[in-house]
Each structure stands twice: as structure tokens, then as C-alpha cells.
Amino acid sequence: MISSHPSPSQKRLQLWDYISRELKLMPSLKLILLVLANYTNPHSYKANIPASLIIRDSGLRDEEIKRLLASLEAAHWVESVRVLDDAGRSVLLYNLSAQLVQRVLNPITQSL
């Protein structure tokens, strides 16, 4: 039986493919989006990861990541949410924007 709904791994591959092929961005910006895509839950479409994890996985410097994340947020490719950690400190968690996820998973509606 063939399902019309993509599997979780197919959804992640769709994100990767779109970011890699369709977005006309600097490689460092794409790298950040690809890291976020790697951690994106295919059911909730949220990654909720801190900048420290993006730094670790991308190999980019802290200052550069913060600058690039601000740029991606301003362009509506990335969203952030501020939460309190276990110690009560405020932490920003990052996700691919709902707009980007929608564009990837519903390409037909984008072309109308």
C-alpha cells in the first residue's frame, strides 16, 4: 500500500533539498538552515535548539552565528522563542520559520 503522506525522513529530505537547491543565500546562511532542518521534528516542524548547538554542528564562530541568525530572522527564514532553562536563565531556541516549512511542504500553493 502506497501512502500519499511523506514519511518523517522524506519530510526532512524535502527541507534539505529546498534549502540546498532553491534558496539563493550565502553558504553560511544555508548551513545554519540545514543544521536547523536536521533537528526539525517532522511532526511538529520545530527544532527548538539553542545557538550553542548550531555553533557546534556548523563549526562557525559564536559572533558569526549570532549575526547570521539575526539576519535569517529578519528575512523570516528562522524564528526564535525565549524560554527559561532549568537554572531560570533566559535562553533563545531557534526553528525554521513556519513560512519556510509551509513553502517546502506545500509547493503547489506557493505557485498559485
PDB file of N, CA and C in Angstrom:
ATOM      1  N   MET A   1       0.842  -1.181   0.000  1.00  0.00           N
ATOM      2  CA  MET A   1       0.000   0.000   0.000  1.00  0.00           C
ATOM      3  C   MET A   1       0.884   1.239   0.000  1.00  0.00           C
ATOM      4  N   ILE A   2       0.658   2.153  -0.927  1.00  0.00           N
ATOM      5  CA  ILE A   2       1.452   3.373  -1.037  1.00  0.00           C
ATOM      6  C   ILE A   2       0.713   4.505  -0.347  1.00  0.00           C
ATOM      7  N   SER A   3       1.412   5.168   0.538  1.00  0.00           N
ATOM      8  CA  SER A   3       0.817   6.281   1.278  1.00  0.00           C
ATOM      9  C   SER A   3       1.063   7.588   0.540  1.00  0.00           C
ATOM     10  N   SER A   4       0.068   8.472   0.544  1.00  0.00           N
ATOM     11  CA  SER A   4       0.233   9.783  -0.095  1.00  0.00           C
ATOM     12  C   SER A   4       0.921  10.770   0.845  1.00  0.00           C
ATOM     13  N   HIS A   5       1.100  10.386   2.099  1.00  0.00           N
ATOM     14  CA  HIS A   5       1.760  11.257   3.069  1.00  0.00           C
ATOM     15  C   HIS A   5       3.238  10.894   3.160  1.00  0.00           C
ATOM     16  N   PRO A   6       4.118  11.902   3.040  1.00  0.00           N
ATOM     17  CA  PRO A   6       5.546  11.601   3.130  1.00  0.00           C
ATOM     18  C   PRO A   6       5.933  11.127   4.529  1.00  0.00           C
ATOM     19  N   SER A   7       6.915  10.256   4.577  1.00  0.00           N
ATOM     20  CA  SER A   7       7.430   9.765   5.856  1.00  0.00           C
ATOM     21  C   SER A   7       8.231  10.875   6.531  1.00  0.00           C
ATOM     22  N   PRO A   8       8.514  10.730   7.825  1.00  0.00           N
ATOM     23  CA  PRO A   8       9.341  11.739   8.505  1.00  0.00           C
ATOM     24  C   PRO A   8      10.680  11.982   7.805  1.00  0.00           C
ATOM     25  N   SER A   9      11.336  10.926   7.340  1.00  0.00           N
ATOM     26  CA  SER A   9      12.628  11.125   6.671  1.00  0.00           C
ATOM     27  C   SER A   9      12.442  11.823   5.318  1.00  0.00           C
ATOM     28  N   GLN A  10      11.341  11.560   4.626  1.00  0.00           N
ATOM     29  CA  GLN A  10      11.071  12.250   3.365  1.00  0.00           C
ATOM     30  C   GLN A  10      10.821  13.740   3.594  1.00  0.00           C
ATOM     31  N   LYS A  11      10.150  14.074   4.699  1.00  0.00           N
ATOM     32  CA  LYS A  11       9.902  15.481   5.024  1.00  0.00           C
ATOM     33  C   LYS A  11      11.218  16.200   5.291  1.00  0.00           C
ATOM     34  N   ARG A  12      12.104  15.549   6.020  1.00  0.00           N
ATOM     35  CA  ARG A  12      13.402  16.158   6.307  1.00  0.00           C
ATOM     36  C   ARG A  12      14.204  16.325   5.017  1.00  0.00           C
ATOM     37  N   LEU A  13      14.140  15.324   4.138  1.00  0.00           N
ATOM     38  CA  LEU A  13      14.821  15.428   2.847  1.00  0.00           C
ATOM     39  C   LEU A  13      14.251  16.565   2.000  1.00  0.00           C
ATOM     40  N   GLN A  14      12.949  16.773   2.072  1.00  0.00           N
ATOM     41  CA  GLN A  14      12.333  17.891   1.350  1.00  0.00           C
ATOM     42  C   GLN A  14      12.890  19.219   1.856  1.00  0.00           C
ATOM     43  N   LEU A  15      13.024  19.348   3.170  1.00  0.00           N
ATOM     44  CA  LEU A  15      13.597  20.571   3.740  1.00  0.00           C
ATOM     45  C   LEU A  15      15.021  20.770   3.243  1.00  0.00           C
ATOM     46  N   TRP A  16      15.825  19.720   3.339  1.00  0.00           N
ATOM     47  CA  TRP A  16      17.220  19.791   2.895  1.00  0.00           C
ATOM     48  C   TRP A  16      17.304  20.165   1.421  1.00  0.00           C
ATOM     49  N   ASP A  17      16.516  19.498   0.595  1.00  0.00           N
ATOM     50  CA  ASP A  17      16.554  19.737  -0.842  1.00  0.00           C
ATOM     51  C   ASP A  17      16.185  21.182  -1.158  1.00  0.00           C
ATOM     52  N   TYR A  18      15.125  21.664  -0.565  1.00  0.00           N
ATOM     53  CA  TYR A  18      14.677  23.033  -0.832  1.00  0.00           C
ATOM     54  C   TYR A  18      15.733  24.046  -0.402  1.00  0.00           C
ATOM     55  N   ILE A  19      16.257  23.880   0.809  1.00  0.00           N
ATOM     56  CA  ILE A  19      17.267  24.809   1.316  1.00  0.00           C
ATOM     57  C   ILE A  19      18.506  24.769   0.422  1.00  0.00           C
ATOM     58  N   SER A  20      18.950  23.580   0.060  1.00  0.00           N
ATOM     59  CA  SER A  20      20.171  23.426  -0.735  1.00  0.00           C
ATOM     60  C   SER A  20      20.029  23.948  -2.163  1.00  0.00           C
ATOM     61  N   ARG A  21      18.901  23.651  -2.794  1.00  0.00           N
ATOM     62  CA  ARG A  21      18.749  23.958  -4.216  1.00  0.00           C
ATOM     63  C   ARG A  21      18.022  25.260  -4.523  1.00  0.00           C
ATOM     64  N   GLU A  22      17.010  25.575  -3.744  1.00  0.00           N
ATOM     65  CA  GLU A  22      16.129  26.677  -4.113  1.00  0.00           C
ATOM     66  C   GLU A  22      16.482  28.023  -3.497  1.00  0.00           C
ATOM     67  N   LEU A  23      17.003  28.000  -2.284  1.00  0.00           N
ATOM     68  CA  LEU A  23      17.295  29.270  -1.619  1.00  0.00           C
ATOM     69  C   LEU A  23      18.598  29.860  -2.142  1.00  0.00           C
ATOM     70  N   LYS A  24      18.546  31.087  -2.522  1.00  0.00           N
ATOM     71  CA  LYS A  24      19.726  31.794  -3.025  1.00  0.00           C
ATOM     72  C   LYS A  24      20.310  32.604  -1.860  1.00  0.00           C
ATOM     73  N   LEU A  25      21.057  31.907  -1.028  1.00  0.00           N
ATOM     74  CA  LEU A  25      21.660  32.504   0.167  1.00  0.00           C
ATOM     75  C   LEU A  25      23.141  32.174   0.214  1.00  0.00           C
ATOM     76  N   MET A  26      23.872  32.950   1.008  1.00  0.00           N
ATOM     77  CA  MET A  26      25.288  32.657   1.237  1.00  0.00           C
ATOM     78  C   MET A  26      25.411  31.261   1.853  1.00  0.00           C
ATOM     79  N   PRO A  27      26.503  30.551   1.569  1.00  0.00           N
ATOM     80  CA  PRO A  27      26.682  29.203   2.125  1.00  0.00           C
ATOM     81  C   PRO A  27      26.573  29.131   3.644  1.00  0.00           C
ATOM     82  N   SER A  28      27.068  30.126   4.360  1.00  0.00           N
ATOM     83  CA  SER A  28      26.987  30.084   5.825  1.00  0.00           C
ATOM     84  C   SER A  28      25.536  30.187   6.311  1.00  0.00           C
ATOM     85  N   LEU A  29      24.712  30.943   5.605  1.00  0.00           N
ATOM     86  CA  LEU A  29      23.297  31.038   5.967  1.00  0.00           C
ATOM     87  C   LEU A  29      22.587  29.715   5.690  1.00  0.00           C
ATOM     88  N   LYS A  30      22.897  29.106   4.533  1.00  0.00           N
ATOM     89  CA  LYS A  30      22.311  27.805   4.207  1.00  0.00           C
ATOM     90  C   LYS A  30      22.733  26.757   5.227  1.00  0.00           C
ATOM     91  N   LEU A  31      23.991  26.819   5.660  1.00  0.00           N
ATOM     92  CA  LEU A  31      24.496  25.856   6.637  1.00  0.00           C
ATOM     93  C   LEU A  31      23.674  25.915   7.926  1.00  0.00           C
ATOM     94  N   ILE A  32      23.373  27.108   8.388  1.00  0.00           N
ATOM     95  CA  ILE A  32      22.560  27.256   9.602  1.00  0.00           C
ATOM     96  C   ILE A  32      21.171  26.662   9.373  1.00  0.00           C
ATOM     97  N   LEU A  33      20.569  26.951   8.239  1.00  0.00           N
ATOM     98  CA  LEU A  33      19.245  26.399   7.943  1.00  0.00           C
ATOM     99  C   LEU A  33      19.281  24.880   7.851  1.00  0.00           C
ATOM    100  N   LEU A  34      20.351  24.333   7.294  1.00  0.00           N
ATOM    101  CA  LEU A  34      20.472  22.880   7.195  1.00  0.00           C
ATOM    102  C   LEU A  34      20.646  22.236   8.571  1.00  0.00           C
ATOM    103  N   VAL A  35      21.387  22.899   9.460  1.00  0.00           N
ATOM    104  CA  VAL A  35      21.511  22.389  10.835  1.00  0.00           C
ATOM    105  C   VAL A  35      20.133  22.373  11.492  1.00  0.00           C
ATOM    106  N   LEU A  36      19.388  23.459  11.341  1.00  0.00           N
ATOM    107  CA  LEU A  36      18.036  23.503  11.911  1.00  0.00           C
ATOM    108  C   LEU A  36      17.147  22.429  11.293  1.00  0.00           C
ATOM    109  N   ALA A  37      17.264  22.212   9.995  1.00  0.00           N
ATOM    110  CA  ALA A  37      16.463  21.176   9.330  1.00  0.00           C
ATOM    111  C   ALA A  37      16.788  19.798   9.893  1.00  0.00           C
ATOM    112  N   ASN A  38      18.051  19.570  10.215  1.00  0.00           N
ATOM    113  CA  ASN A  38      18.458  18.284  10.790  1.00  0.00           C
ATOM    114  C   ASN A  38      17.749  17.991  12.104  1.00  0.00           C
ATOM    115  N   TYR A  39      17.513  19.017  12.891  1.00  0.00           N
ATOM    116  CA  TYR A  39      16.898  18.848  14.207  1.00  0.00           C
ATOM    117  C   TYR A  39      15.386  19.056  14.194  1.00  0.00           C
ATOM    118  N   THR A  40      14.834  19.413  13.052  1.00  0.00           N
ATOM    119  CA  THR A  40      13.401  19.684  12.981  1.00  0.00           C
ATOM    120  C   THR A  40      12.604  18.393  13.113  1.00  0.00           C
ATOM    121  N   ASN A  41      11.694  18.387  14.060  1.00  0.00           N
ATOM    122  CA  ASN A  41      10.805  17.253  14.262  1.00  0.00           C
ATOM    123  C   ASN A  41       9.820  17.219  13.095  1.00  0.00           C
ATOM    124  N   PRO A  42       9.736  16.114  12.364  1.00  0.00           N
ATOM    125  CA  PRO A  42       8.871  16.065  11.189  1.00  0.00           C
ATOM    126  C   PRO A  42       7.376  16.077  11.508  1.00  0.00           C
ATOM    127  N   HIS A  43       7.024  15.996  12.771  1.00  0.00           N
ATOM    128  CA  HIS A  43       5.606  16.053  13.154  1.00  0.00           C
ATOM    129  C   HIS A  43       5.201  17.454  13.602  1.00  0.00           C
ATOM    130  N   SER A  44       6.049  18.094  14.389  1.00  0.00           N
ATOM    131  CA  SER A  44       5.728  19.437  14.882  1.00  0.00           C
ATOM    132  C   SER A  44       6.385  20.538  14.058  1.00  0.00           C
ATOM    133  N   TYR A  45       7.372  20.164  13.247  1.00  0.00           N
ATOM    134  CA  TYR A  45       8.158  21.095  12.437  1.00  0.00           C
ATOM    135  C   TYR A  45       8.897  22.121  13.293  1.00  0.00           C
ATOM    136  N   LYS A  46       9.274  21.714  14.481  1.00  0.00           N
ATOM    137  CA  LYS A  46      10.055  22.552  15.395  1.00  0.00           C
ATOM    138  C   LYS A  46      11.358  21.839  15.729  1.00  0.00           C
ATOM    139  N   ALA A  47      12.415  22.611  15.854  1.00  0.00           N
ATOM    140  CA  ALA A  47      13.707  22.073  16.284  1.00  0.00           C
ATOM    141  C   ALA A  47      13.966  22.471  17.736  1.00  0.00           C
ATOM    142  N   ASN A  48      13.641  23.726  18.073  1.00  0.00           N
ATOM    143  CA  ASN A  48      13.856  24.259  19.425  1.00  0.00           C
ATOM    144  C   ASN A  48      15.269  23.984  19.926  1.00  0.00           C
ATOM    145  N   ILE A  49      16.260  24.456  19.159  1.00  0.00           N
ATOM    146  CA  ILE A  49      17.642  24.251  19.572  1.00  0.00           C
ATOM    147  C   ILE A  49      18.318  25.582  19.877  1.00  0.00           C
ATOM    148  N   PRO A  50      19.234  25.583  20.836  1.00  0.00           N
ATOM    149  CA  PRO A  50      19.955  26.813  21.179  1.00  0.00           C
ATOM    150  C   PRO A  50      21.057  27.103  20.166  1.00  0.00           C
ATOM    151  N   ALA A  51      21.530  28.334  20.160  1.00  0.00           N
ATOM    152  CA  ALA A  51      22.614  28.735  19.261  1.00  0.00           C
ATOM    153  C   ALA A  51      23.860  27.894  19.502  1.00  0.00           C
ATOM    154  N   SER A  52      24.083  27.466  20.734  1.00  0.00           N
ATOM    155  CA  SER A  52      25.283  26.670  21.037  1.00  0.00           C
ATOM    156  C   SER A  52      25.315  25.372  20.228  1.00  0.00           C
ATOM    157  N   LEU A  53      24.178  24.780  19.977  1.00  0.00           N
ATOM    158  CA  LEU A  53      24.128  23.556  19.175  1.00  0.00           C
ATOM    159  C   LEU A  53      24.384  23.868  17.694  1.00  0.00           C
ATOM    160  N   ILE A  54      23.902  25.001  17.240  1.00  0.00           N
ATOM    161  CA  ILE A  54      24.161  25.425  15.859  1.00  0.00           C
ATOM    162  C   ILE A  54      25.658  25.695  15.689  1.00  0.00           C
ATOM    163  N   ILE A  55      26.263  26.327  16.683  1.00  0.00           N
ATOM    164  CA  ILE A  55      27.703  26.599  16.650  1.00  0.00           C
ATOM    165  C   ILE A  55      28.481  25.287  16.576  1.00  0.00           C
ATOM    166  N   ARG A  56      28.122  24.349  17.427  1.00  0.00           N
ATOM    167  CA  ARG A  56      28.813  23.060  17.453  1.00  0.00           C
ATOM    168  C   ARG A  56      28.712  22.328  16.125  1.00  0.00           C
ATOM    169  N   ASP A  57      27.507  22.272  15.567  1.00  0.00           N
ATOM    170  CA  ASP A  57      27.287  21.486  14.356  1.00  0.00           C
ATOM    171  C   ASP A  57      27.749  22.179  13.078  1.00  0.00           C
ATOM    172  N   SER A  58      27.785  23.494  13.081  1.00  0.00           N
ATOM    173  CA  SER A  58      28.177  24.223  11.870  1.00  0.00           C
ATOM    174  C   SER A  58      29.669  24.514  11.813  1.00  0.00           C
ATOM    175  N   GLY A  59      30.293  24.589  12.976  1.00  0.00           N
ATOM    176  CA  GLY A  59      31.710  24.947  13.014  1.00  0.00           C
ATOM    177  C   GLY A  59      31.954  26.438  12.869  1.00  0.00           C
ATOM    178  N   LEU A  60      30.887  27.221  12.822  1.00  0.00           N
ATOM    179  CA  LEU A  60      31.028  28.677  12.729  1.00  0.00           C
ATOM    180  C   LEU A  60      31.253  29.269  14.120  1.00  0.00           C
ATOM    181  N   ARG A  61      31.818  30.458  14.165  1.00  0.00           N
ATOM    182  CA  ARG A  61      32.101  31.122  15.444  1.00  0.00           C
ATOM    183  C   ARG A  61      30.839  31.716  16.061  1.00  0.00           C
ATOM    184  N   ASP A  62      30.855  31.843  17.366  1.00  0.00           N
ATOM    185  CA  ASP A  62      29.731  32.358  18.139  1.00  0.00           C
ATOM    186  C   ASP A  62      29.242  33.711  17.617  1.00  0.00           C
ATOM    187  N   GLU A  63      30.171  34.652  17.427  1.00  0.00           N
ATOM    188  CA  GLU A  63      29.791  36.002  16.979  1.00  0.00           C
ATOM    189  C   GLU A  63      29.150  35.951  15.591  1.00  0.00           C
ATOM    190  N   GLU A  64      29.711  35.112  14.735  1.00  0.00           N
ATOM    191  CA  GLU A  64      29.194  34.990  13.384  1.00  0.00           C
ATOM    192  C   GLU A  64      27.798  34.369  13.386  1.00  0.00           C
ATOM    193  N   ILE A  65      27.608  33.336  14.193  1.00  0.00           N
ATOM    194  CA  ILE A  65      26.294  32.684  14.288  1.00  0.00           C
ATOM    195  C   ILE A  65      25.239  33.681  14.746  1.00  0.00           C
ATOM    196  N   LYS A  66      25.535  34.444  15.766  1.00  0.00           N
ATOM    197  CA  LYS A  66      24.548  35.408  16.276  1.00  0.00           C
ATOM    198  C   LYS A  66      24.178  36.434  15.218  1.00  0.00           C
ATOM    199  N   ARG A  67      25.157  36.908  14.471  1.00  0.00           N
ATOM    200  CA  ARG A  67      24.903  37.880  13.407  1.00  0.00           C
ATOM    201  C   ARG A  67      24.069  37.241  12.295  1.00  0.00           C
ATOM    202  N   LEU A  68      24.435  36.036  11.903  1.00  0.00           N
ATOM    203  CA  LEU A  68      23.718  35.349  10.828  1.00  0.00           C
ATOM    204  C   LEU A  68      22.297  34.966  11.243  1.00  0.00           C
ATOM    205  N   LEU A  69      22.118  34.545  12.490  1.00  0.00           N
ATOM    206  CA  LEU A  69      20.772  34.214  12.971  1.00  0.00           C
ATOM    207  C   LEU A  69      19.876  35.450  12.955  1.00  0.00           C
ATOM    208  N   ALA A  70      20.431  36.595  13.344  1.00  0.00           N
ATOM    209  CA  ALA A  70      19.652  37.848  13.311  1.00  0.00           C
ATOM    210  C   ALA A  70      19.231  38.164  11.876  1.00  0.00           C
ATOM    211  N   SER A  71      20.132  37.948  10.935  1.00  0.00           N
ATOM    212  CA  SER A  71      19.832  38.180   9.523  1.00  0.00           C
ATOM    213  C   SER A  71      18.747  37.225   9.026  1.00  0.00           C
ATOM    214  N   LEU A  72      18.859  35.949   9.393  1.00  0.00           N
ATOM    215  CA  LEU A  72      17.858  34.962   8.983  1.00  0.00           C
ATOM    216  C   LEU A  72      16.491  35.247   9.607  1.00  0.00           C
ATOM    217  N   GLU A  73      16.488  35.724  10.847  1.00  0.00           N
ATOM    218  CA  GLU A  73      15.207  36.084  11.478  1.00  0.00           C
ATOM    219  C   GLU A  73      14.577  37.284  10.785  1.00  0.00           C
ATOM    220  N   ALA A  74      15.385  38.271  10.463  1.00  0.00           N
ATOM    221  CA  ALA A  74      14.875  39.469   9.789  1.00  0.00           C
ATOM    222  C   ALA A  74      14.280  39.128   8.425  1.00  0.00           C
ATOM    223  N   ALA A  75      14.838  38.108   7.769  1.00  0.00           N
ATOM    224  CA  ALA A  75      14.346  37.678   6.458  1.00  0.00           C
ATOM    225  C   ALA A  75      13.222  36.635   6.564  1.00  0.00           C
ATOM    226  N   HIS A  76      12.836  36.302   7.781  1.00  0.00           N
ATOM    227  CA  HIS A  76      11.750  35.348   8.047  1.00  0.00           C
ATOM    228  C   HIS A  76      12.060  33.925   7.599  1.00  0.00           C
ATOM    229  N   TRP A  77      13.327  33.536   7.665  1.00  0.00           N
ATOM    230  CA  TRP A  77      13.718  32.151   7.401  1.00  0.00           C
ATOM    231  C   TRP A  77      13.818  31.364   8.696  1.00  0.00           C
ATOM    232  N   VAL A  78      14.023  32.073   9.796  1.00  0.00           N
ATOM    233  CA  VAL A  78      14.213  31.463  11.113  1.00  0.00           C
ATOM    234  C   VAL A  78      13.326  32.196  12.115  1.00  0.00           C
ATOM    235  N   GLU A  79      12.853  31.460  13.101  1.00  0.00           N
ATOM    236  CA  GLU A  79      12.090  32.036  14.215  1.00  0.00           C
ATOM    237  C   GLU A  79      12.775  31.637  15.505  1.00  0.00           C
ATOM    238  N   SER A  80      12.614  32.475  16.518  1.00  0.00           N
ATOM    239  CA  SER A  80      13.177  32.134  17.824  1.00  0.00           C
ATOM    240  C   SER A  80      12.100  32.278  18.886  1.00  0.00           C
ATOM    241  N   VAL A  81      12.303  31.555  19.962  1.00  0.00           N
ATOM    242  CA  VAL A  81      11.412  31.633  21.113  1.00  0.00           C
ATOM    243  C   VAL A  81      12.294  31.694  22.353  1.00  0.00           C
ATOM    244  N   ARG A  82      11.943  32.567  23.276  1.00  0.00           N
ATOM    245  CA  ARG A  82      12.704  32.720  24.507  1.00  0.00           C
ATOM    246  C   ARG A  82      12.044  31.872  25.598  1.00  0.00           C
ATOM    247  N   VAL A  83      12.851  31.016  26.239  1.00  0.00           N
ATOM    248  CA  VAL A  83      12.367  30.148  27.313  1.00  0.00           C
ATOM    249  C   VAL A  83      13.322  30.247  28.497  1.00  0.00           C
ATOM    250  N   LEU A  84      12.875  29.751  29.634  1.00  0.00           N
ATOM    251  CA  LEU A  84      13.735  29.680  30.815  1.00  0.00           C
ATOM    252  C   LEU A  84      14.321  28.287  30.916  1.00  0.00           C
ATOM    253  N   ASP A  85      15.632  28.212  31.164  1.00  0.00           N
ATOM    254  CA  ASP A  85      16.250  26.900  31.348  1.00  0.00           C
ATOM    255  C   ASP A  85      16.044  26.438  32.787  1.00  0.00           C
ATOM    256  N   ASP A  86      16.602  25.289  33.136  1.00  0.00           N
ATOM    257  CA  ASP A  86      16.422  24.722  34.474  1.00  0.00           C
ATOM    258  C   ASP A  86      16.958  25.629  35.576  1.00  0.00           C
ATOM    259  N   ALA A  87      17.952  26.440  35.246  1.00  0.00           N
ATOM    260  CA  ALA A  87      18.544  27.350  36.228  1.00  0.00           C
ATOM    261  C   ALA A  87      17.806  28.685  36.283  1.00  0.00           C
ATOM    262  N   GLY A  88      16.767  28.849  35.471  1.00  0.00           N
ATOM    263  CA  GLY A  88      15.990  30.075  35.476  1.00  0.00           C
ATOM    264  C   GLY A  88      16.548  31.166  34.572  1.00  0.00           C
ATOM    265  N   ARG A  89      17.544  30.820  33.755  1.00  0.00           N
ATOM    266  CA  ARG A  89      18.110  31.789  32.811  1.00  0.00           C
ATOM    267  C   ARG A  89      17.321  31.770  31.507  1.00  0.00           C
ATOM    268  N   SER A  90      17.246  32.925  30.884  1.00  0.00           N
ATOM    269  CA  SER A  90      16.558  33.064  29.609  1.00  0.00           C
ATOM    270  C   SER A  90      17.450  32.543  28.480  1.00  0.00           C
ATOM    271  N   VAL A  91      16.875  31.699  27.620  1.00  0.00           N
ATOM    272  CA  VAL A  91      17.605  31.100  26.502  1.00  0.00           C
ATOM    273  C   VAL A  91      16.755  31.237  25.240  1.00  0.00           C
ATOM    274  N   LEU A  92      17.403  31.574  24.132  1.00  0.00           N
ATOM    275  CA  LEU A  92      16.708  31.611  22.849  1.00  0.00           C
ATOM    276  C   LEU A  92      16.848  30.256  22.168  1.00  0.00           C
ATOM    277  N   LEU A  93      15.735  29.723  21.691  1.00  0.00           N
ATOM    278  CA  LEU A  93      15.715  28.482  20.921  1.00  0.00           C
ATOM    279  C   LEU A  93      15.281  28.825  19.503  1.00  0.00           C
ATOM    280  N   TYR A  94      15.903  28.167  18.540  1.00  0.00           N
ATOM    281  CA  TYR A  94      15.682  28.506  17.137  1.00  0.00           C
ATOM    282  C   TYR A  94      14.989  27.387  16.376  1.00  0.00           C
ATOM    283  N   ASN A  95      14.197  27.815  15.370  1.00  0.00           N
ATOM    284  CA  ASN A  95      13.459  26.918  14.487  1.00  0.00           C
ATOM    285  C   ASN A  95      13.460  27.493  13.084  1.00  0.00           C
ATOM    286  N   LEU A  96      13.259  26.622  12.108  1.00  0.00           N
ATOM    287  CA  LEU A  96      12.949  27.111  10.776  1.00  0.00           C
ATOM    288  C   LEU A  96      11.620  27.851  10.879  1.00  0.00           C
ATOM    289  N   SER A  97      11.442  28.902  10.111  1.00  0.00           N
ATOM    290  CA  SER A  97      10.190  29.651  10.190  1.00  0.00           C
ATOM    291  C   SER A  97       9.037  28.812   9.653  1.00  0.00           C
ATOM    292  N   ALA A  98       7.858  29.071  10.182  1.00  0.00           N
ATOM    293  CA  ALA A  98       6.659  28.384   9.695  1.00  0.00           C
ATOM    294  C   ALA A  98       6.464  28.684   8.212  1.00  0.00           C
ATOM    295  N   GLN A  99       6.818  29.892   7.790  1.00  0.00           N
ATOM    296  CA  GLN A  99       6.706  30.302   6.391  1.00  0.00           C
ATOM    297  C   GLN A  99       7.589  29.427   5.500  1.00  0.00           C
ATOM    298  N   LEU A 100       8.819  29.167   5.930  1.00  0.00           N
ATOM    299  CA  LEU A 100       9.729  28.322   5.152  1.00  0.00           C
ATOM    300  C   LEU A 100       9.218  26.883   5.092  1.00  0.00           C
ATOM    301  N   VAL A 101       8.805  26.351   6.212  1.00  0.00           N
ATOM    302  CA  VAL A 101       8.299  24.972   6.247  1.00  0.00           C
ATOM    303  C   VAL A 101       7.078  24.842   5.356  1.00  0.00           C
ATOM    304  N   GLN A 102       6.191  25.808   5.421  1.00  0.00           N
ATOM    305  CA  GLN A 102       4.978  25.793   4.586  1.00  0.00           C
ATOM    306  C   GLN A 102       5.351  25.818   3.108  1.00  0.00           C
ATOM    307  N   ARG A 103       6.306  26.644   2.745  1.00  0.00           N
ATOM    308  CA  ARG A 103       6.742  26.754   1.355  1.00  0.00           C
ATOM    309  C   ARG A 103       7.308  25.420   0.850  1.00  0.00           C
ATOM    310  N   VAL A 104       8.035  24.729   1.706  1.00  0.00           N
ATOM    311  CA  VAL A 104       8.654  23.457   1.313  1.00  0.00           C
ATOM    312  C   VAL A 104       7.617  22.350   1.192  1.00  0.00           C
ATOM    313  N   LEU A 105       6.740  22.239   2.167  1.00  0.00           N
ATOM    314  CA  LEU A 105       5.814  21.115   2.211  1.00  0.00           C
ATOM    315  C   LEU A 105       4.561  21.307   1.371  1.00  0.00           C
ATOM    316  N   ASN A 106       4.280  22.531   0.977  1.00  0.00           N
ATOM    317  CA  ASN A 106       3.100  22.798   0.135  1.00  0.00           C
ATOM    318  C   ASN A 106       3.512  23.626  -1.069  1.00  0.00           C
ATOM    319  N   PRO A 107       4.373  23.126  -1.938  1.00  0.00           N
ATOM    320  CA  PRO A 107       4.873  23.925  -3.045  1.00  0.00           C
ATOM    321  C   PRO A 107       3.814  24.327  -4.060  1.00  0.00           C
ATOM    322  N   ILE A 108       2.754  23.562  -4.172  1.00  0.00           N
ATOM    323  CA  ILE A 108       1.703  23.866  -5.151  1.00  0.00           C
ATOM    324  C   ILE A 108       1.014  25.172  -4.807  1.00  0.00           C
ATOM    325  N   THR A 109       0.707  25.389  -3.522  1.00  0.00           N
ATOM    326  CA  THR A 109       0.020  26.610  -3.121  1.00  0.00           C
ATOM    327  C   THR A 109       0.912  27.826  -3.291  1.00  0.00           C
ATOM    328  N   GLN A 110       2.238  27.649  -3.301  1.00  0.00           N
ATOM    329  CA  GLN A 110       3.150  28.773  -3.455  1.00  0.00           C
ATOM    330  C   GLN A 110       3.185  29.268  -4.909  1.00  0.00           C
ATOM    331  N   SER A 111       2.893  28.409  -5.851  1.00  0.00           N
ATOM    332  CA  SER A 111       2.991  28.797  -7.257  1.00  0.00           C
ATOM    333  C   SER A 111       1.683  29.406  -7.790  1.00  0.00           C
ATOM    334  N   LEU A 112       0.626  29.377  -7.000  1.00  0.00           N
ATOM    335  CA  LEU A 112      -0.664  29.918  -7.460  1.00  0.00           C
ATOM    336  C   LEU A 112      -0.715  31.408  -7.305  1.00  0.00           C
TER     337      LEU A 112
END
